[in-house]
C-alpha atoms as a PDB file:
ATOM      1  CA  UNK A   1       6.395  -8.803 -22.072  1.00  0.00           C
ATOM      2  CA  UNK A   2       9.019  -6.872 -19.885  1.00  0.00           C
ATOM      3  CA  UNK A   3       6.203  -5.890 -17.668  1.00  0.00           C
ATOM      4  CA  UNK A   4       5.575  -9.752 -17.071  1.00  0.00           C
ATOM      5  CA  UNK A   5       9.236 -10.988 -16.314  1.00  0.00           C
ATOM      6  CA  UNK A   6      10.023  -8.221 -14.057  1.00  0.00           C
ATOM      7  CA  UNK A   7       6.611  -9.175 -12.235  1.00  0.00           C
ATOM      8  CA  UNK A   8       7.705 -12.540 -12.413  1.00  0.00           C
ATOM      9  CA  UNK A   9      10.492 -11.696 -11.236  1.00  0.00           C
ATOM     10  CA  UNK A  10       9.348  -9.569  -8.411  1.00  0.00           C
ATOM     11  CA  UNK A  11       7.234 -12.188  -7.000  1.00  0.00           C
ATOM     12  CA  UNK A  12       9.979 -14.565  -6.717  1.00  0.00           C
ATOM     13  CA  UNK A  13      11.854 -12.618  -4.456  1.00  0.00           C
ATOM     14  CA  UNK A  14       9.201 -11.687  -2.454  1.00  0.00           C
ATOM     15  CA  UNK A  15       8.210 -15.452  -1.845  1.00  0.00           C
ATOM     16  CA  UNK A  16      11.372 -16.480  -1.531  1.00  0.00           C
ATOM     17  CA  UNK A  17      12.604 -13.461   0.879  1.00  0.00           C
ATOM     18  CA  UNK A  18       9.539 -14.003   2.951  1.00  0.00           C
ATOM     19  CA  UNK A  19      10.542 -17.765   3.962  1.00  0.00           C
ATOM     20  CA  UNK A  20      13.825 -16.942   5.465  1.00  0.00           C
ATOM     21  CA  UNK A  21      11.187 -14.587   8.239  1.00  0.00           C
ATOM     22  CA  UNK A  22       8.839 -16.991   7.853  1.00  0.00           C
ATOM     23  CA  UNK A  23      12.480 -20.091   9.015  1.00  0.00           C
ATOM     24  CA  UNK A  24      12.935 -18.015  12.151  1.00  0.00           C
ATOM     25  CA  UNK A  25      11.899 -18.777  15.023  1.00  0.00           C
ATOM     26  CA  UNK A  26       9.688 -16.056  16.426  1.00  0.00           C
ATOM     27  CA  UNK A  27      10.920 -14.895  20.259  1.00  0.00           C
ATOM     28  CA  UNK A  28       6.837 -14.413  21.504  1.00  0.00           C
ATOM     29  CA  UNK A  29       6.006 -17.927  19.174  1.00  0.00           C
ATOM     30  CA  UNK A  30       2.980 -19.024  21.973  1.00  0.00           C
ATOM     31  CA  UNK A  31       1.305 -15.812  20.777  1.00  0.00           C
ATOM     32  CA  UNK A  32       1.502 -17.187  17.091  1.00  0.00           C
ATOM     33  CA  UNK A  33      -0.451 -20.364  18.227  1.00  0.00           C
ATOM     34  CA  UNK A  34      -3.600 -18.705  18.720  1.00  0.00           C
ATOM     35  CA  UNK A  35      -5.931 -18.792  15.528  1.00  0.00           C
ATOM     36  CA  UNK A  36      -7.544 -15.130  16.676  1.00  0.00           C
ATOM     37  CA  UNK A  37      -3.987 -13.504  16.728  1.00  0.00           C
ATOM     38  CA  UNK A  38      -3.015 -15.227  13.408  1.00  0.00           C
ATOM     39  CA  UNK A  39      -5.754 -14.113  11.703  1.00  0.00           C
ATOM     40  CA  UNK A  40      -5.999 -10.287  13.344  1.00  0.00           C
ATOM     41  CA  UNK A  41      -2.803 -10.241  12.110  1.00  0.00           C
ATOM     42  CA  UNK A  42      -3.430 -11.597   8.136  1.00  0.00           C
ATOM     43  CA  UNK A  43      -6.308  -9.142   8.119  1.00  0.00           C
ATOM     44  CA  UNK A  44      -4.096  -6.363   9.078  1.00  0.00           C
ATOM     45  CA  UNK A  45      -1.855  -7.004   6.993  1.00  0.00           C
ATOM     46  CA  UNK A  46      -3.944  -7.975   3.713  1.00  0.00           C
ATOM     47  CA  UNK A  47      -6.337  -4.399   4.773  1.00  0.00           C
ATOM     48  CA  UNK A  48      -2.907  -2.220   4.531  1.00  0.00           C
ATOM     49  CA  UNK A  49      -2.084  -3.774   1.070  1.00  0.00           C
ATOM     50  CA  UNK A  50      -5.292  -3.342  -0.406  1.00  0.00           C
ATOM     51  CA  UNK A  51      -5.528   0.119   0.837  1.00  0.00           C
ATOM     52  CA  UNK A  52      -1.333   0.915  -0.079  1.00  0.00           C
ATOM     53  CA  UNK A  53      -2.723  -0.571  -3.638  1.00  0.00           C
ATOM     54  CA  UNK A  54      -5.888   1.658  -4.393  1.00  0.00           C
ATOM     55  CA  UNK A  55      -3.897   5.166  -3.127  1.00  0.00           C
ATOM     56  CA  UNK A  56      -1.285   4.107  -5.594  1.00  0.00           C
ATOM     57  CA  UNK A  57      -3.618   3.389  -8.909  1.00  0.00           C
ATOM     58  CA  UNK A  58      -5.846   6.347  -7.472  1.00  0.00           C
ATOM     59  CA  UNK A  59      -2.850   8.697  -7.599  1.00  0.00           C
ATOM     60  CA  UNK A  60      -1.401   7.368 -10.562  1.00  0.00           C
ATOM     61  CA  UNK A  61      -5.206   8.106 -12.115  1.00  0.00           C
ATOM     62  CA  UNK A  62      -4.751  11.255 -10.711  1.00  0.00           C
ATOM     63  CA  UNK A  63      -1.224  12.504 -11.679  1.00  0.00           C
ATOM     64  CA  UNK A  64      -2.091  11.243 -15.669  1.00  0.00           C
ATOM     65  CA  UNK A  65      -5.165  13.225 -15.743  1.00  0.00           C
ATOM     66  CA  UNK A  66      -3.041  16.430 -13.834  1.00  0.00           C
ATOM     67  CA  UNK A  67      -0.212  15.658 -16.757  1.00  0.00           C
ATOM     68  CA  UNK A  68      -2.832  15.870 -19.464  1.00  0.00           C
ATOM     69  CA  UNK A  69      -4.486  18.830 -18.190  1.00  0.00           C
ATOM     70  CA  UNK A  70      -1.231  20.571 -17.918  1.00  0.00           C
ATOM     71  CA  UNK A  71      -0.823  19.220 -22.011  1.00  0.00           C
ATOM     72  CA  UNK A  72      -3.970  20.861 -23.192  1.00  0.00           C
ATOM     73  CA  UNK A  73      -3.771  24.482 -20.678  1.00  0.00           C
ATOM     74  CA  UNK A  74      -0.351  25.054 -19.655  1.00  0.00           C
ATOM     75  CA  UNK A  75      -2.217  28.545 -18.376  1.00  0.00           C
ATOM     76  CA  UNK A  76      -3.774  26.971 -15.896  1.00  0.00           C
ATOM     77  CA  UNK A  77      -0.862  24.591 -14.604  1.00  0.00           C
ATOM     78  CA  UNK A  78      -1.092  25.580 -10.998  1.00  0.00           C
ATOM     79  CA  UNK A  79      -4.755  25.247 -10.176  1.00  0.00           C
ATOM     80  CA  UNK A  80      -3.858  21.802 -11.425  1.00  0.00           C
ATOM     81  CA  UNK A  81      -1.232  21.486  -9.888  1.00  0.00           C
ATOM     82  CA  UNK A  82      -2.130  23.136  -6.344  1.00  0.00           C
ATOM     83  CA  UNK A  83      -5.859  20.522  -7.164  1.00  0.00           C
ATOM     84  CA  UNK A  84      -3.497  17.741  -7.300  1.00  0.00           C
ATOM     85  CA  UNK A  85      -1.849  18.487  -4.309  1.00  0.00           C
ATOM     86  CA  UNK A  86      -5.067  18.570  -2.376  1.00  0.00           C
ATOM     87  CA  UNK A  87      -6.615  15.290  -4.024  1.00  0.00           C
ATOM     88  CA  UNK A  88      -2.776  14.069  -2.935  1.00  0.00           C
ATOM     89  CA  UNK A  89      -3.548  14.265   0.819  1.00  0.00           C
ATOM     90  CA  UNK A  90      -6.959  12.988   1.020  1.00  0.00           C
ATOM     91  CA  UNK A  91      -5.609   9.652  -0.806  1.00  0.00           C
ATOM     92  CA  UNK A  92      -2.513   9.344   0.986  1.00  0.00           C
ATOM     93  CA  UNK A  93      -5.239  10.021   4.246  1.00  0.00           C
ATOM     94  CA  UNK A  94      -6.959   7.170   3.304  1.00  0.00           C
ATOM     95  CA  UNK A  95      -3.505   4.663   3.426  1.00  0.00           C
ATOM     96  CA  UNK A  96      -2.746   5.998   6.571  1.00  0.00           C
ATOM     97  CA  UNK A  97      -6.199   5.832   8.437  1.00  0.00           C
ATOM     98  CA  UNK A  98      -5.504   2.451   7.401  1.00  0.00           C
ATOM     99  CA  UNK A  99      -1.832   1.789   8.833  1.00  0.00           C
ATOM    100  CA  UNK A 100      -3.731   3.120  11.806  1.00  0.00           C
ATOM    101  CA  UNK A 101      -6.509   1.094  12.475  1.00  0.00           C
ATOM    102  CA  UNK A 102      -4.285  -2.297  11.609  1.00  0.00           C
ATOM    103  CA  UNK A 103      -1.443  -0.523  14.508  1.00  0.00           C
ATOM    104  CA  UNK A 104      -3.904  -0.849  16.932  1.00  0.00           C
ATOM    105  CA  UNK A 105      -5.261  -4.217  15.370  1.00  0.00           C
ATOM    106  CA  UNK A 106      -1.628  -5.563  15.840  1.00  0.00           C
ATOM    107  CA  UNK A 107      -0.347  -3.859  19.213  1.00  0.00           C
ATOM    108  CA  UNK A 108      -3.791  -2.908  21.561  1.00  0.00           C
ATOM    109  CA  UNK A 109      -5.595  -6.093  20.585  1.00  0.00           C
END
């Protein structure tokens, strides 16, 4: 019940704050009249959001597994930590690649 309350309050806060940003007059308002640019912006935002979500889930799952493995066998916690950090670097690189592609879409095209 508490998680549902926190989730609903977070969603409400995001929706209320986004109305403030969308109500402001943009400096380059003529750029938003092109539907293709709007689709590019929306695609970049959704892509980065999905990448962050997937990486967060992957990192959480990896951390849970590492904690369980260290609890079962504390002697090899150094090797587990090394593997965990290497895995985190690979997972985070996926989000960074998505960020680079989103920046290319937003500023070059």
